[in-house]
Protein backbone atom coordinates (compact mmCIF):
# COMPACT_ATOMS: atom_id res chain seq x y z
CA MET A 1 11.53 -9.26 -14.65
CA ARG A 2 10.58 -10.36 -11.16
CA SER A 3 12.30 -8.60 -8.28
CA PHE A 4 12.38 -11.76 -6.18
CA SER A 5 12.85 -15.42 -7.00
CA ARG A 6 14.58 -18.46 -5.63
CA ARG A 7 17.43 -17.92 -8.10
CA THR A 8 17.95 -14.29 -7.09
CA PHE A 9 17.53 -14.85 -3.36
CA ILE A 10 21.17 -15.73 -2.62
CA ARG A 11 22.38 -12.95 -4.90
CA SER A 12 20.13 -10.52 -3.04
CA ALA A 13 21.62 -11.52 0.28
CA ALA A 14 25.12 -10.89 -1.02
CA ILE A 15 24.13 -7.47 -2.29
CA ALA A 16 22.53 -6.72 1.05
CA ALA A 17 25.70 -7.56 2.94
CA GLY A 18 27.74 -5.24 0.75
CA THR A 19 25.43 -2.25 0.35
CA ILE A 20 22.39 -2.09 2.55
CA SER A 21 23.89 -1.56 5.98
CA LEU A 22 25.48 1.69 4.84
CA SER A 23 22.31 2.94 3.15
CA GLY A 24 20.35 2.22 6.30
CA LEU A 25 22.54 4.69 8.17
CA ASN A 26 21.85 7.29 5.50
CA SER A 27 18.08 6.75 5.58
CA CYS A 28 17.80 7.19 9.33
CA SER A 29 19.62 10.51 9.59
CA GLY A 30 17.24 13.27 10.63
CA ASN A 31 14.12 11.07 10.57
CA GLN A 32 13.41 11.56 14.28
CA LYS A 33 12.19 15.13 13.68
CA ARG A 34 9.82 14.25 10.86
CA ILE A 35 6.10 14.90 11.18
CA PHE A 36 5.10 11.69 9.36
CA ARG A 37 6.52 8.32 8.33
CA TYR A 38 7.11 8.04 4.58
CA SER A 39 7.30 4.98 2.35
CA LEU A 40 7.61 4.15 -1.32
CA CYS A 41 5.48 1.48 -2.99
CA SER A 42 7.71 -1.29 -4.24
CA GLU A 43 6.48 -1.55 -7.84
CA SER A 44 8.41 1.67 -8.55
CA VAL A 45 11.63 -0.35 -8.17
CA LYS A 46 10.36 -3.77 -9.21
CA GLU A 47 13.10 -4.22 -11.80
CA PHE A 48 15.59 -4.70 -8.96
CA SER A 49 16.03 -7.58 -6.52
CA TRP A 50 14.42 -7.20 -3.10
CA ALA A 51 17.75 -6.33 -1.48
CA GLU A 52 18.44 -3.71 -4.13
CA GLN A 53 14.94 -2.27 -3.73
CA CYS A 54 15.51 -1.81 -0.01
CA ALA A 55 18.94 -0.29 -0.60
CA ILE A 56 17.60 2.26 -3.10
CA ILE A 57 14.59 3.22 -0.97
CA GLY A 58 16.59 3.38 2.24
CA LYS A 59 19.41 5.42 0.72
CA ALA A 60 16.86 7.92 -0.66
CA GLY A 61 15.75 8.59 2.92
CA PHE A 62 12.44 6.75 3.26
CA ASP A 63 11.24 5.11 6.45
CA GLY A 64 9.52 2.18 4.80
CA VAL A 65 8.81 0.07 1.72
CA GLU A 66 5.17 -0.76 0.93
CA ILE A 67 4.95 -4.08 -0.87
CA ALA A 68 3.00 -4.96 -4.02
CA PRO A 69 2.98 -8.78 -3.62
CA PHE A 70 2.51 -9.56 -7.31
CA THR A 71 5.98 -8.18 -8.06
CA LEU A 72 7.64 -10.84 -5.89
CA VAL A 73 6.06 -14.08 -7.05
CA LYS A 74 5.28 -16.32 -9.99
CA GLU A 75 2.15 -18.01 -8.62
CA GLY A 76 1.41 -16.54 -5.17
CA VAL A 77 2.91 -15.51 -1.85
CA GLN A 78 2.72 -19.08 -0.59
CA GLU A 79 5.88 -19.78 -2.60
CA ILE A 80 7.92 -17.44 -0.36
CA THR A 81 9.06 -19.70 2.48
CA ALA A 82 9.23 -18.75 6.15
CA ALA A 83 13.03 -18.62 5.97
CA GLU A 84 12.94 -16.37 2.91
CA ARG A 85 10.50 -14.04 4.60
CA LYS A 86 12.76 -13.72 7.63
CA ASN A 87 15.69 -12.92 5.35
CA MET A 88 13.61 -10.28 3.52
CA VAL A 89 12.77 -8.64 6.85
CA ARG A 90 16.44 -8.66 7.81
CA GLN A 91 17.44 -7.05 4.51
CA MET A 92 14.69 -4.46 4.92
CA LYS A 93 15.80 -3.57 8.44
CA ASP A 94 19.46 -3.46 7.43
CA ALA A 95 18.41 -0.70 5.01
CA GLY A 96 16.84 1.25 7.88
CA LEU A 97 13.33 0.43 6.67
CA SER A 98 10.15 -1.11 8.01
CA CYS A 99 7.06 -2.31 6.13
CA PRO A 100 3.83 -0.28 6.27
CA GLY A 101 2.05 -3.18 4.61
CA LEU A 102 0.72 -4.40 1.25
CA HIS A 103 -1.32 -3.01 -1.65
CA TRP A 104 -2.49 -4.26 -5.09
CA LEU A 105 -3.62 -7.38 -3.25
CA PHE A 106 -5.28 -9.28 -6.12
CA VAL A 107 -3.22 -8.26 -9.14
CA ALA A 108 -2.06 -11.42 -10.90
CA PRO A 109 -0.28 -13.59 -10.08
CA PRO A 110 -2.24 -15.51 -9.04
CA ALA A 111 -4.55 -15.06 -12.01
CA GLY A 112 -8.32 -15.23 -12.03
CA LEU A 113 -9.23 -14.14 -8.50
CA HIS A 114 -12.39 -12.12 -7.91
CA PHE A 115 -13.74 -11.05 -4.52
CA THR A 116 -17.31 -10.06 -5.45
CA THR A 117 -18.26 -12.57 -8.14
CA PRO A 118 -21.56 -14.49 -7.83
CA ASP A 119 -19.49 -17.69 -8.15
CA PRO A 120 -19.19 -18.92 -4.54
CA GLU A 121 -16.24 -21.21 -5.26
CA LEU A 122 -14.21 -18.38 -6.84
CA ARG A 123 -15.14 -16.03 -4.00
CA GLN A 124 -13.90 -18.55 -1.45
CA ARG A 125 -10.67 -19.09 -3.38
CA SER A 126 -10.16 -15.32 -3.33
CA VAL A 127 -10.89 -15.14 0.41
CA ASP A 128 -8.39 -17.96 0.97
CA TYR A 129 -5.71 -16.01 -0.88
CA LEU A 130 -6.49 -12.92 1.19
CA ASP A 131 -5.80 -15.08 4.26
CA ARG A 132 -2.39 -16.00 2.78
CA LEU A 133 -1.68 -12.32 2.16
CA ILE A 134 -2.54 -11.53 5.78
CA ASP A 135 0.08 -14.03 6.92
CA PHE A 136 2.63 -12.62 4.49
CA CYS A 137 1.92 -9.10 5.72
CA GLY A 138 2.25 -10.22 9.32
CA ASP A 139 5.50 -12.05 8.59
CA MET A 140 6.88 -8.87 6.98
CA GLU A 141 5.81 -6.98 10.14
CA GLY A 142 3.41 -4.89 8.08
CA GLU A 143 0.54 -2.91 9.56
CA VAL A 144 -2.02 -2.46 6.77
CA MET A 145 -3.34 -4.11 3.62
CA VAL A 146 -4.86 -1.67 1.11
CA PHE A 147 -7.76 -3.31 -0.74
CA GLY A 148 -7.90 -1.52 -4.07
CA SER A 149 -7.68 -4.08 -6.91
CA PRO A 150 -10.57 -2.67 -8.99
CA ALA A 151 -10.69 -5.48 -11.54
CA GLN A 152 -11.21 -8.05 -8.80
CA ARG A 153 -14.00 -6.35 -6.84
CA GLY A 154 -16.55 -4.87 -9.23
CA THR A 155 -19.81 -6.31 -10.55
CA THR A 156 -19.69 -9.16 -13.04
CA ALA A 157 -22.35 -10.76 -15.23
CA GLY A 158 -25.12 -11.98 -12.99
CA ASN A 159 -24.89 -9.64 -10.01
CA SER A 160 -25.72 -6.07 -9.07
CA VAL A 161 -23.76 -3.40 -7.21
CA GLY A 162 -25.75 -4.30 -4.11
CA ASP A 163 -24.80 -7.96 -4.49
CA ALA A 164 -21.14 -7.06 -4.97
CA VAL A 165 -21.15 -4.83 -1.89
CA ASN A 166 -22.67 -7.67 0.15
CA TYR A 167 -20.06 -10.15 -1.11
CA PHE A 168 -17.28 -7.62 -0.38
CA THR A 169 -18.59 -7.19 3.16
CA GLU A 170 -19.03 -10.93 3.67
CA GLY A 171 -15.50 -11.72 2.48
CA LEU A 172 -13.87 -9.15 4.75
CA ARG A 173 -15.82 -10.44 7.73
CA LYS A 174 -14.43 -13.92 7.08
CA VAL A 175 -10.82 -12.76 7.41
CA ALA A 176 -11.17 -9.98 9.99
CA ASP A 177 -10.34 -12.09 13.05
CA HIS A 178 -7.28 -13.54 11.33
CA ALA A 179 -6.11 -10.03 10.43
CA LYS A 180 -6.55 -8.90 14.03
CA ASP A 181 -4.55 -11.88 15.27
CA ARG A 182 -1.69 -10.91 12.93
CA LYS A 183 -1.92 -7.22 13.99
CA VAL A 184 -2.93 -6.22 10.45
CA SER A 185 -5.68 -3.81 9.35
CA ILE A 186 -7.50 -4.39 6.04
CA LEU A 187 -8.29 -1.02 4.49
CA ILE A 188 -11.13 -0.56 2.00
CA GLU A 189 -9.89 1.85 -0.68
CA SER A 190 -12.45 4.00 -2.47
CA LEU A 191 -11.84 4.07 -6.22
CA PRO A 192 -13.44 6.25 -8.93
CA LYS A 193 -16.14 4.91 -11.23
CA SER A 194 -13.64 4.87 -14.08
CA GLN A 195 -11.97 1.93 -12.29
CA THR A 196 -14.81 0.04 -10.60
CA ASP A 197 -18.51 0.35 -9.80
CA VAL A 198 -18.16 -0.76 -6.16
CA VAL A 199 -17.18 1.70 -3.37
CA ASN A 200 -16.40 4.93 -5.23
CA THR A 201 -16.15 7.47 -2.42
CA LEU A 202 -14.50 7.70 0.96
CA GLY A 203 -17.91 7.92 2.58
CA GLU A 204 -18.96 4.61 0.98
CA ALA A 205 -15.74 2.96 2.19
CA VAL A 206 -16.36 4.23 5.72
CA ASP A 207 -19.96 2.99 5.59
CA MET A 208 -18.77 -0.51 4.65
CA ALA A 209 -16.13 -0.53 7.39
CA LYS A 210 -18.71 0.56 9.96
CA LYS A 211 -21.17 -2.08 8.73
CA ILE A 212 -18.52 -4.76 9.25
CA GLY A 213 -17.83 -3.27 12.67
CA HIS A 214 -14.48 -4.98 13.28
CA PRO A 215 -11.33 -3.28 14.61
CA ALA A 216 -9.22 -4.87 11.86
CA VAL A 217 -11.26 -3.29 9.03
CA ALA A 218 -11.08 0.44 8.24
CA THR A 219 -10.27 2.66 5.27
CA MET A 220 -7.54 4.86 3.80
CA PHE A 221 -7.22 7.98 1.67
CA ASP A 222 -5.67 8.03 -1.81
CA TYR A 223 -5.26 11.49 -3.35
CA HIS A 224 -5.06 10.10 -6.88
CA ASN A 225 -8.34 8.17 -6.50
CA SER A 226 -10.45 11.05 -5.13
CA THR A 227 -11.79 12.30 -8.48
CA ASP A 228 -15.41 11.26 -7.73
CA GLU A 229 -15.54 13.16 -4.45
CA THR A 230 -17.83 16.20 -4.35
CA GLU A 231 -16.64 17.73 -1.06
CA PRO A 232 -13.29 19.48 -0.44
CA LEU A 233 -10.71 16.76 0.12
CA ALA A 234 -9.18 18.25 3.26
CA GLY A 235 -12.67 18.43 4.73
CA LEU A 236 -13.26 14.76 3.92
CA VAL A 237 -10.01 13.82 5.64
CA GLN A 238 -11.08 15.75 8.71
CA LYS A 239 -14.57 14.20 8.62
CA TYR A 240 -13.34 10.60 8.43
CA ILE A 241 -9.96 10.79 10.20
CA ASP A 242 -11.01 8.20 12.79
CA GLN A 243 -11.31 5.60 9.98
CA ILE A 244 -8.26 6.65 7.91
CA ARG A 245 -5.25 4.46 8.74
CA HIS A 246 -3.09 5.04 5.66
CA VAL A 247 -2.52 7.65 2.94
CA HIS A 248 -1.33 7.35 -0.68
CA VAL A 249 -0.09 10.32 -2.70
CA GLN A 250 0.85 10.92 -6.34
CA ASN A 251 -0.27 13.30 -9.06
CA MET A 252 -3.80 12.88 -10.36
CA ASP A 253 -2.36 11.48 -13.59
CA GLY A 254 -0.32 8.89 -11.68
CA THR A 255 3.06 10.54 -12.14
CA MET A 256 5.38 11.34 -9.26
CA ILE A 257 4.95 14.73 -7.60
CA LYS A 258 8.01 16.95 -7.84
CA ALA A 259 9.12 19.20 -5.03
CA GLU A 260 8.67 22.27 -7.23
CA SER A 261 5.06 21.51 -8.16
CA ILE A 262 3.20 20.16 -5.13
CA PRO A 263 -0.56 20.74 -5.68
CA ASP A 264 -2.09 23.27 -3.27
CA GLU A 265 -4.92 20.84 -2.58
CA LEU A 266 -2.43 18.20 -1.44
CA LEU A 267 -0.70 20.73 0.81
CA ASN A 268 -4.06 21.45 2.45
CA ILE A 269 -4.59 17.72 3.01
CA ILE A 270 -1.16 17.29 4.58
CA ARG A 271 -1.71 20.32 6.82
CA THR A 272 -5.02 18.82 7.92
CA LEU A 273 -3.36 15.48 8.71
CA LYS A 274 -0.72 17.31 10.75
CA ASP A 275 -3.34 19.34 12.64
CA LEU A 276 -5.29 16.15 13.38
CA ASP A 277 -2.12 14.43 14.65
CA TYR A 278 -2.34 11.64 12.07
CA LYS A 279 0.03 8.82 13.08
CA GLY A 280 -0.20 6.53 10.06
CA TRP A 281 2.07 6.21 7.04
CA ILE A 282 2.13 8.38 3.93
CA SER A 283 3.15 6.32 0.90
CA ALA A 284 3.98 7.35 -2.64
CA GLU A 285 2.29 5.04 -5.16
CA ILE A 286 3.56 5.95 -8.61
CA PHE A 287 2.07 4.55 -11.84
CA ASP A 288 4.48 6.11 -14.34
CA PHE A 289 7.74 4.21 -13.98
CA SER A 290 9.50 5.84 -16.95
CA PRO A 291 11.90 7.98 -14.83
CA GLY A 292 13.38 4.78 -13.36
CA GLY A 293 13.18 3.46 -9.83
CA LYS A 294 16.21 5.25 -8.42
CA THR A 295 15.08 8.63 -9.76
CA ILE A 296 11.54 8.07 -8.52
CA ALA A 297 12.83 7.28 -5.03
CA GLU A 298 15.17 10.26 -4.86
CA GLU A 299 12.78 12.81 -6.36
CA THR A 300 9.80 11.62 -4.32
CA MET A 301 11.76 11.87 -1.08
CA ARG A 302 12.81 15.38 -2.08
CA MET A 303 9.11 16.18 -2.50
CA PHE A 304 8.28 14.77 0.94
CA ARG A 305 10.99 16.94 2.49
CA GLU A 306 9.47 19.97 0.81
CA LEU A 307 6.06 18.96 2.12
CA GLU A 308 7.50 18.84 5.63
CA ARG A 309 9.07 22.27 5.20
CA SER A 310 5.82 23.71 3.86
CA VAL A 311 3.56 22.46 6.64
CA GLY A 312 6.09 22.37 9.50
């Protein structure tokens, strides 16, 4: 069930008028003293309309909602009109939220995209859609776009890892100026070899960003996707902090982290971010949706409050 459609848009606005303004007041209380800004990735609540998503996330106490675009559309973000985008921003702000940005950029819909294929026509079509996503992110007042999407960036028949890396670099260069104009950063996410064979460590992601050499291209750190790293994770964060503009957290198995069982390694990472005066967002990206969106939002925010208490 899509969380956003033309048919549900008017219903969402009505829900927003009745519920979101109150939840926004709840979400803002006490946030001024927080060390970091916290957001929840939207696929955790994708069974709800956009207005309901914002209400749930805002009432739980988050500062932002990070958007997975595929949950909102049937064919692509181009179907969300300028007026609808403005209304989505209004609903988001009424809930006391802002938008850190987007992730899962190339998960279908639209189907069939691939950023590092040897097929030049398909690569260009994928670059063109990334341009549309940049505009959507800018219209939602987002700051970052996390480029994970492992199935759409690895090697395919007919090219090598080196070829794929070159195509990845070339494609990001094509959109970098547009991203800068929209005040958006595109972040190369390192993913383990179990997911893709292209850019598997934070160091490799930093190397690609530096090779591109554009202020709108950097990287991020995802705790869940750090399994191929060989150095202590807190040390890696410290080493590459100048390139890290966003952070994702969840358990290594993709489940939500509970306040009573925060991994020591994650605590060390958060302490390091605090000591380094990290100013970006920390987002919870959960892959196990079985507890339900409302529970995920409430329990994850409880975990973030415990993190703050532990490192504060």
